[in-house]
Each structure stands twice: as structure tokens, then as C-alpha cells.
Amino acid sequence: MRSLPPLSAVRVFEAAARHLNFTRAAAELGMTQAAVSYQVKLLEERVGTPLFLRAARRVELTEAGARIAPVATQALDLLGTAFQAARNDSEAVLVISSLHTFASNWLAKRLGSFQLAHPEIAVRLEISSHLVDFAREEVDVGLRGGSGRWPGLVAHPLLPWHFAPYASPDLLARLDLATPADLLSAPLISPDDPWWRHWFAAAGVDAGDIAARPAVLMGMQQLQGAAALSGQGIALLTPSLWPDDIAAGRLVAPFDIVGREGEGSIWLVYPESKRGSRKVRAFRDWILAAIRP
């Protein structure tokens, strides 16, 4: 086990030795002269011998101080170079964790413009529905659904979690849907989805035990939308994630009622510690501009 003095004291000693002046060392380090003197004293006590000869208006290195000073400078330079290299490597790759449907229906279609605007930043997109643990996983930013209240994370709202029933026009043509209550007897995709209860409540309909009915259950909105497009049933979808299919008439809403679950939205999140990261700032500015053209 290495027996080393505190790095903070070594850093102060190195600056004082370089300047041969405690006042100038304090100015460089953003400290008071008294704090510099205190750190040097701690180091001298740790070493067991004086490192400076103190005169009225100047200081000189002792023999021990003169031996240590160039080694301290070299060691700090090596540490600075190593950390700068790690910082440069870290800033070169942006790792994004995203919900599947947002990634496939919104982000993938636009991410190329971010790359063109920032060719120096490589992007790695990871698809996941779990909440990323930024302390344990090598992820820079997350695109997740929820309320936006996650301790220790900066959160920017992107898209509200609006939802409404959508189906293929062929399926709707075969169904007799005069009122929202008629959906209770229609083929619903993933009726266990809690959003169905919210939507029926917004429509003034008692959904009963809708979650218990036999059906095809798909936990991912991307799969639910694909099933609806192929005429397999009616899916609850977020309109802002299916604009092309809705505009082209491949997905049709039988009713104009749109539901929302409380404060639920899609959010851009990242740790407070990454607030100053150049690549994170670049992605934040880009996606906030892209989401609100």
C-alpha cells in the first residue's frame, strides 16, 4: 500500500515551488495565502522536514523541497494528461438509452441531423425500457417515460404521453363503432394496458374488468402499433409517435377523444454531474430544438 501525502497538499506545494511565492500560488489555485501556508505546513509535517525557507518577502526551497518539486510537477503533469485523455475519449462518444417506440418512430428518423451537426461526436443508441442507473451504466443521456421527478437527474419534457385508439381503416370498416362504449366489444390490443382505463374514463365509459379479457398482450407500443397496422385489432397509441401512418391514413382513430395519464411525458434526462458535458449540452440543445420546430 502506497504511503502518500494528500494530493491537495502536493498540488499546493507544487504551485508554491514553481512560483517561489505563496501569494501567486494562492492566486493560481483560487485560495487564500493563509490556506496555502496551511497546506504547505501539513505537507512539511507529513514529510518531517521543512520544504521552504521563509524570508520576509520571499520563500526559497530547502534541499528536500528542491528534490521533491520537479517530481511533483512531473507527477501532476502526468495525472493531468491522463485525465484529459480520458475526458477527450469520453466526450467523443455519446451513449443514448431510449424507449423502443420513441427510438424507432421519432429519434432514428432524425438522429442523422445531429451527427451532421456534430461530426466529432459518435453516437451509440441503446434500446431499453428499464430506468437506467447512471451511476452503474455507461450511459450519458436517457429518453424515458414518467413524471420527470428523478432525484439527481436533470429532466427536460419532450412529448406528453397522449394516447388514443387507432386501427387500420379496413378493420374499422368491418366494425360497428357508434360510441366509445362499442370498443368494449371490439378486438383490443393489450387490454391490460392501464392506459385503456384512463381513455375509457376520459370517454365517460366504465371499462369494467377490461384487463382480464382474453387478448393478445404486447407490452411495447411499437409492437401494438405494428399489430394495429396489420388489422389485428385496435391499439392505444401516442399520436405524436405515429404521424406518418396517421397522415397517410394507415392508422385511423374511430373517436376524437385523447387521453392522458397525469403528468406522464417522454423526458430527456441526464445526471447533474453531466450538466457541463459538451456532448450532453449539444444533444440537449439539438433535441429540444427538433422536438419544437
Foldseek 3Di string as FASTA:
>chain_A
DDDDDDLVLLQLLLLCQVVQALCVSCVVVVHHSVVSVVSQVSVCVVVVHHQWDDDDGGIHGDPVVVVVNVVSVVVVVVVVVVVVVVLLVLLQEAEEEEEPLCCVQPVVVCVVVLCVVPVSHHYDYHYDQDDDDVVPDSHFKYWYKDQQDDPQKDKDFQFAPKKAKKAFPVLVVVADPPAPQSLLVWQEEAQLPPVVCQQCVLSVHHSPVSNPDDHHHDPGQVVRVVCRLVGNTIYIDRCVSVVVCVVVRSMDGPDPGMGGDPNIGTIMMGGPVCPPRPNVVSVVVVSNVVSPD
